[in-house]
Protein backbone atom coordinates (compact mmCIF):
# COMPACT_ATOMS: atom_id res chain seq x y z
CA MET A 1 114.62 104.21 140.44
CA ASN A 2 111.41 102.63 140.36
CA MET A 3 110.94 98.87 140.87
CA SER A 4 110.22 98.27 137.41
CA LYS A 5 113.10 99.65 136.10
CA ILE A 6 115.26 98.11 139.54
CA LEU A 7 114.08 94.65 138.00
CA LYS A 8 115.10 95.56 134.73
CA HIS A 9 118.36 96.54 135.75
CA ARG A 10 119.31 93.35 137.45
CA LYS A 11 118.22 91.33 134.70
CA THR A 12 120.44 93.32 132.36
CA SER A 13 123.00 92.75 134.89
CA THR A 14 123.00 89.01 134.99
CA LYS A 15 123.05 88.84 131.50
CA MET A 16 126.03 90.97 131.01
CA THR A 17 128.20 88.61 133.66
CA ALA A 18 127.58 85.58 131.96
CA CYS A 19 127.99 87.10 128.64
CA ALA A 20 131.14 88.25 130.10
CA LEU A 21 132.33 85.48 130.88
CA LEU A 22 131.38 83.88 127.61
CA LEU A 23 133.43 86.17 125.90
CA GLN A 24 136.84 86.65 128.08
CA LEU A 25 136.80 82.75 127.11
CA GLY A 26 136.23 83.17 123.10
CA LEU A 27 133.15 80.75 123.50
CA SER A 28 130.62 83.12 122.04
CA SER A 29 129.54 83.36 118.22
CA ALA A 30 128.34 86.82 116.56
CA THR A 31 124.76 86.83 114.92
CA LEU A 32 124.83 89.08 111.77
CA SER A 33 121.13 91.03 111.28
CA PHE A 34 120.89 90.13 107.51
CA PRO A 35 117.29 90.13 106.36
CA THR A 36 114.94 86.83 107.20
CA PHE A 37 115.37 83.88 104.97
CA ALA A 38 113.14 83.39 102.50
CA VAL A 39 112.40 79.89 103.23
CA ALA A 40 110.30 77.41 104.88
CA VAL A 41 110.28 77.41 108.44
CA ALA A 42 109.46 73.99 110.08
CA SER A 43 106.06 72.90 111.23
CA GLU A 44 104.23 73.84 114.37
CA GLN A 45 104.03 70.34 114.90
CA GLN A 46 107.70 69.44 114.24
CA GLN A 47 108.62 72.59 116.60
CA HIS A 48 106.85 71.59 119.60
CA ALA A 49 108.42 67.95 118.92
CA CYS A 50 111.80 69.45 119.68
CA ALA A 51 111.85 72.35 122.22
CA CYS A 52 115.92 71.76 122.00
CA PHE A 53 116.27 74.58 119.09
CA GLU A 54 114.68 76.37 115.96
CA VAL A 55 114.94 75.13 112.81
CA THR A 56 114.48 77.05 109.35
CA ALA A 57 115.06 74.81 105.94
CA VAL A 58 116.20 76.15 102.54
CA GLY A 59 116.64 75.12 99.47
CA GLN A 60 116.84 71.38 97.54
CA GLY A 61 119.34 68.43 97.55
CA PRO A 62 121.32 66.57 99.81
CA ALA A 63 121.26 67.49 103.38
CA VAL A 64 123.44 70.06 105.27
CA ILE A 65 122.96 70.58 109.20
CA LEU A 66 124.63 74.16 110.26
CA ILE A 67 124.69 74.68 113.94
CA PRO A 68 125.54 78.14 115.18
CA GLY A 69 127.88 78.66 118.39
CA LEU A 70 126.67 79.90 121.77
CA ALA A 71 124.57 82.97 122.02
CA SER A 72 124.47 82.79 118.39
CA SER A 73 121.56 82.62 115.72
CA ALA A 74 121.05 81.00 112.36
CA ASP A 75 121.85 84.24 110.73
CA VAL A 76 125.30 83.96 111.23
CA TRP A 77 125.50 81.21 108.53
CA GLN A 78 123.68 83.78 105.92
CA SER A 79 126.62 83.73 103.84
CA THR A 80 126.65 80.17 103.82
CA VAL A 81 123.41 79.63 102.96
CA ASP A 82 123.55 82.12 100.42
CA ALA A 83 126.53 80.15 99.10
CA LEU A 84 124.90 76.55 99.08
CA LYS A 85 121.04 76.77 98.67
CA ASP A 86 121.09 76.01 94.88
CA ASN A 87 122.62 72.49 95.20
CA TYR A 88 121.88 71.51 98.72
CA GLN A 89 119.11 71.59 101.21
CA LEU A 90 120.04 73.70 104.25
CA HIS A 91 119.00 72.92 107.79
CA ILE A 92 119.53 76.16 109.93
CA PHE A 93 119.61 76.18 113.53
CA THR A 94 119.06 77.99 116.55
CA LEU A 95 120.12 76.24 120.00
CA ALA A 96 117.60 76.73 122.75
CA GLY A 97 118.20 79.69 125.18
CA PHE A 98 120.41 81.76 122.61
CA ALA A 99 119.64 84.47 120.53
CA GLY A 100 115.59 84.87 121.52
CA VAL A 101 115.01 81.20 121.19
CA GLN A 102 113.14 79.70 124.37
CA PRO A 103 115.33 78.04 127.37
CA LEU A 104 115.10 74.61 127.89
CA SER A 105 113.10 73.84 130.97
CA ALA A 106 115.09 71.89 133.82
CA GLU A 107 113.10 68.58 132.94
CA LYS A 108 113.85 69.24 129.33
CA TRP A 109 117.42 70.11 129.50
CA GLY A 110 118.52 66.69 131.54
CA ARG A 111 121.59 65.89 133.03
CA SER A 112 123.73 67.42 130.04
CA TYR A 113 122.66 70.37 127.73
CA LEU A 114 125.34 68.41 125.46
CA LEU A 115 124.30 65.74 125.19
CA THR A 116 120.58 66.53 125.03
CA GLN A 117 121.56 68.52 122.03
CA GLN A 118 123.12 65.55 120.29
CA GLN A 119 120.15 63.56 120.92
CA ALA A 120 117.43 65.83 119.69
CA ILE A 121 119.75 66.43 116.27
CA LEU A 122 119.42 62.54 115.79
CA ASP A 123 115.85 63.07 116.28
CA TYR A 124 115.41 65.49 114.12
CA ILE A 125 117.53 63.90 111.31
CA LEU A 126 115.21 60.56 111.88
CA ARG A 127 111.68 62.58 111.72
CA GLN A 128 112.64 64.85 108.56
CA GLN A 129 113.94 61.60 107.26
CA LEU A 130 117.51 62.90 106.07
CA THR A 131 119.88 60.58 104.69
CA LYS A 132 123.42 60.86 106.13
CA PRO A 133 123.32 64.94 106.32
CA ILE A 134 126.78 66.38 106.96
CA VAL A 135 126.85 68.47 110.12
CA VAL A 136 128.41 71.65 110.14
CA GLY A 137 128.94 74.03 113.53
CA HIS A 138 130.72 76.99 114.64
CA SER A 139 132.29 76.87 117.98
CA LEU A 140 129.82 75.22 120.41
CA GLY A 141 128.08 74.06 117.08
CA GLY A 142 131.58 72.69 115.87
CA TYR A 143 132.09 70.77 119.53
CA LEU A 144 128.40 69.01 118.65
CA ALA A 145 129.57 68.22 115.13
CA LEU A 146 132.71 66.64 116.11
CA ALA A 147 130.79 64.75 118.96
CA LEU A 148 127.80 63.69 116.34
CA ALA A 149 130.90 62.27 113.82
CA ALA A 150 132.04 60.31 116.80
CA SER A 151 129.05 58.76 118.15
CA ALA A 152 126.74 58.57 115.37
CA PRO A 153 128.57 57.37 111.96
CA GLU A 154 125.13 55.72 110.88
CA GLN A 155 123.25 58.66 111.14
CA ILE A 156 125.33 61.82 109.61
CA GLY A 157 127.88 61.35 106.88
CA GLY A 158 130.47 63.73 107.96
CA ALA A 159 130.87 67.05 109.81
CA ILE A 160 132.84 70.40 109.44
CA ASN A 161 134.09 71.88 112.99
CA VAL A 162 134.49 75.74 112.25
CA ASP A 163 136.63 76.85 114.95
CA GLY A 164 135.35 74.50 117.81
CA LEU A 165 137.65 72.30 120.25
CA PRO A 166 137.02 69.06 121.77
CA ALA A 167 138.80 69.79 125.39
CA LEU A 168 138.40 73.31 125.91
CA GLY A 169 138.74 73.22 129.60
CA VAL A 170 141.91 71.13 128.60
CA LEU A 171 143.35 73.88 126.60
CA PHE A 172 142.59 76.42 129.43
CA ALA A 173 143.93 74.27 132.14
CA GLU A 174 147.37 73.91 129.86
CA ASN A 175 147.67 77.45 129.24
CA ALA A 176 147.02 78.58 133.01
CA ALA A 177 149.79 76.10 133.98
CA ARG A 178 152.41 77.69 131.61
CA ASN A 179 151.28 81.27 132.66
CA THR A 180 151.65 80.43 136.45
CA GLY A 181 153.73 83.20 137.99
CA THR A 182 152.49 85.61 135.18
CA GLN A 183 151.16 88.54 136.63
CA GLN A 184 148.28 89.30 134.43
CA ALA A 185 146.01 93.19 134.91
CA ALA A 186 142.27 92.21 135.61
CA PRO A 187 140.27 94.52 133.36
CA ALA A 188 138.89 97.61 135.29
CA SER A 189 135.02 96.89 134.36
CA PHE A 190 133.69 94.45 131.19
CA ASP A 191 133.91 95.97 128.16
CA PRO A 192 131.53 93.94 125.59
CA MET A 193 132.63 95.87 122.63
CA LEU A 194 136.36 95.44 123.40
CA MET A 195 135.59 91.66 123.71
CA ALA A 196 133.63 91.70 120.52
CA LYS A 197 136.70 93.29 118.64
CA GLY A 198 139.00 90.34 120.15
CA MET A 199 136.51 87.89 118.23
CA ALA A 200 136.50 89.53 114.88
CA ASN A 201 138.35 91.61 113.02
CA ASN A 202 135.11 92.83 110.42
CA GLU A 203 134.09 95.71 112.36
CA SER A 204 130.67 95.41 110.86
CA TRP A 205 130.31 92.45 112.92
CA HIS A 206 130.95 93.81 116.64
CA GLN A 207 127.96 95.89 117.38
CA ARG A 208 125.89 92.59 116.43
CA ILE A 209 127.84 90.70 118.47
CA VAL A 210 127.05 92.83 121.52
CA ASN A 211 123.47 92.93 120.66
CA ASP A 212 123.08 89.32 120.52
CA MET A 213 124.45 88.84 123.66
CA PHE A 214 121.34 90.63 125.41
CA ARG A 215 119.00 88.52 123.50
CA SER A 216 120.23 85.02 124.72
CA ASP A 217 119.66 83.30 128.29
CA GLY A 218 122.27 84.18 130.86
CA MET A 219 121.75 81.43 132.73
CA THR A 220 121.84 78.91 129.30
CA SER A 221 125.21 80.61 128.60
CA GLY A 222 126.80 80.04 131.76
CA ARG A 223 125.61 76.69 132.48
CA VAL A 224 126.41 75.13 128.75
CA MET A 225 129.90 77.71 129.17
CA GLY A 226 130.28 75.19 132.23
CA GLU A 227 129.28 71.78 130.65
CA LEU A 228 131.94 72.52 127.72
CA MET A 229 134.99 73.47 129.71
CA GLN A 230 134.33 69.94 131.63
CA ALA A 231 133.84 68.15 128.44
CA ASP A 232 136.53 66.00 126.46
CA LEU A 233 135.76 64.56 123.10
CA ARG A 234 139.58 63.43 122.89
CA PRO A 235 139.26 59.77 123.47
CA GLN A 236 135.88 59.52 121.02
CA LEU A 237 137.93 60.91 118.37
CA ALA A 238 139.64 57.68 117.68
CA ASN A 239 136.30 56.46 116.74
CA LEU A 240 135.76 58.34 113.71
CA ARG A 241 134.75 56.33 110.82
CA VAL A 242 133.24 59.49 108.58
CA PRO A 243 134.91 62.49 107.13
CA VAL A 244 135.53 65.17 109.20
CA LEU A 245 137.02 68.88 108.83
CA THR A 246 138.44 70.88 111.23
CA LEU A 247 139.27 75.58 110.29
CA GLY A 248 140.94 77.15 112.39
CA ALA A 249 141.36 80.65 113.18
CA LEU A 250 144.91 81.38 113.58
CA GLN A 251 144.09 84.68 114.91
CA HIS A 252 142.04 83.60 117.25
CA GLY A 253 144.34 84.05 120.01
CA ALA A 254 145.72 87.02 119.15
CA PRO A 255 147.82 88.74 120.76
CA TYR A 256 148.00 86.45 123.56
CA SER A 257 148.96 83.29 121.48
CA THR A 258 151.29 82.94 118.14
CA PRO A 259 149.12 81.58 114.74
CA ALA A 260 151.82 78.63 115.32
CA GLU A 261 150.33 78.33 118.80
CA VAL A 262 147.08 78.48 117.79
CA GLN A 263 147.84 75.71 115.41
CA ALA A 264 149.59 73.47 117.87
CA ASN A 265 146.73 73.35 120.25
CA TYR A 266 144.81 72.34 117.31
CA GLU A 267 146.84 69.50 116.25
CA LYS A 268 147.08 68.74 119.59
CA GLN A 269 143.94 68.23 120.52
CA LEU A 270 142.84 66.47 117.40
CA ALA A 271 145.57 64.24 117.80
CA ASN A 272 143.24 61.02 118.31
CA ALA A 273 141.47 61.49 115.06
CA PRO A 274 142.13 59.20 112.43
CA ALA A 275 144.05 60.82 109.69
CA GLN A 276 142.29 58.78 106.96
CA PHE A 277 138.94 60.53 108.43
CA HIS A 278 140.42 63.85 109.68
CA SER A 279 141.59 67.03 108.16
CA PHE A 280 142.79 70.69 108.78
CA ALA A 281 142.90 73.88 107.13
CA PHE A 282 143.67 76.83 108.44
CA THR A 283 143.23 80.75 108.16
CA ALA A 284 145.94 83.09 108.37
CA ASP A 285 143.60 86.44 108.62
CA SER A 286 140.57 85.77 110.53
CA LYS A 287 139.60 85.45 114.38
CA HIS A 288 137.26 83.30 115.80
CA PHE A 289 134.48 84.01 113.35
CA ILE A 290 135.39 83.08 110.26
CA MET A 291 132.45 83.95 108.63
CA ALA A 292 132.70 87.54 109.29
CA ASP A 293 136.43 87.77 108.54
CA ALA A 294 136.97 85.43 106.06
CA PRO A 295 133.49 84.30 104.49
CA GLU A 296 134.85 83.39 100.87
CA TRP A 297 137.20 81.18 102.11
CA LEU A 298 134.78 79.42 104.88
CA ASN A 299 132.36 79.05 101.79
CA GLN A 300 134.88 77.35 99.48
CA GLN A 301 136.32 75.19 102.27
CA ILE A 302 133.00 73.91 103.20
CA ARG A 303 131.77 73.52 99.23
CA GLN A 304 134.79 71.30 98.67
CA PHE A 305 134.27 69.12 101.11
CA LEU A 306 130.63 68.68 100.39
CA HIS A 307 131.58 68.16 96.73
CA THR A 308 133.71 65.12 97.62
CA ASN A 309 132.41 63.34 100.90
CA PHE A 310 128.80 63.84 100.59
CA VAL A 311 126.62 60.40 100.87
CA ARG A 312 123.52 61.10 98.61
CA GLY A 313 122.06 57.66 99.45
CA GLU A 314 121.41 56.84 95.56
């Protein structure tokens, strides 16, 4: 094996190690290889103004921001874009370091990727002169949507959290405590396809999940994983003053957790959210990628929320 092949192998192995950890913890999101959106891309000046993400915009009407999860691109929202673009102006993000987008430099990363992204999204809203957009996020994007709803009610009109959690590390710690003394066989080797199957029932997504892992920066994925495992938004949820909807996938924990246990975990994690501002909806037949397993249900939930809660600024 020559030196170039050795270096390529090492780089691939590093990415696989980081992505394996991501998939084992159920944090990553699938990216579909749909045709490119027929939309207007943000101008070069706007892209340089914020290196935290790439944005594609489509449609006319009240603004909606769509944020994918870890190791995922804007394509994950394709069916939602198709369902909403005739009535809303959609701003579809791909976060830095994921799905081929340039990673953040250490200087731009700051003390926290999560906090840096929250501020960058607010800066984007101001720069684009968006009137109280509703933020829809999946997984990591769901965490960011919750964080913005709790901390910036003057800037956003509401949020939809698609299978994200406010305190992921706490959930893992609780599960570990319950399973103390229980022996679990370690996998003989990392099987990315097996992991992908654990996150979506829809077989057409499995290879796309695996492929997209390799398009993401392993260092970014690992560091953001660490931040998510330490983050705890639960106290801040008491500050909610805009409508928030959490959409949960009851097969997300299969086969290790029952649907009832998954729902209970969500209700416990979001217990601090005032009932007048927060609501749940659960799909019984979906794993983590609801947009893969129950796209019509997901889009109907989003449409209903937007119709009921949008602040149009008129």
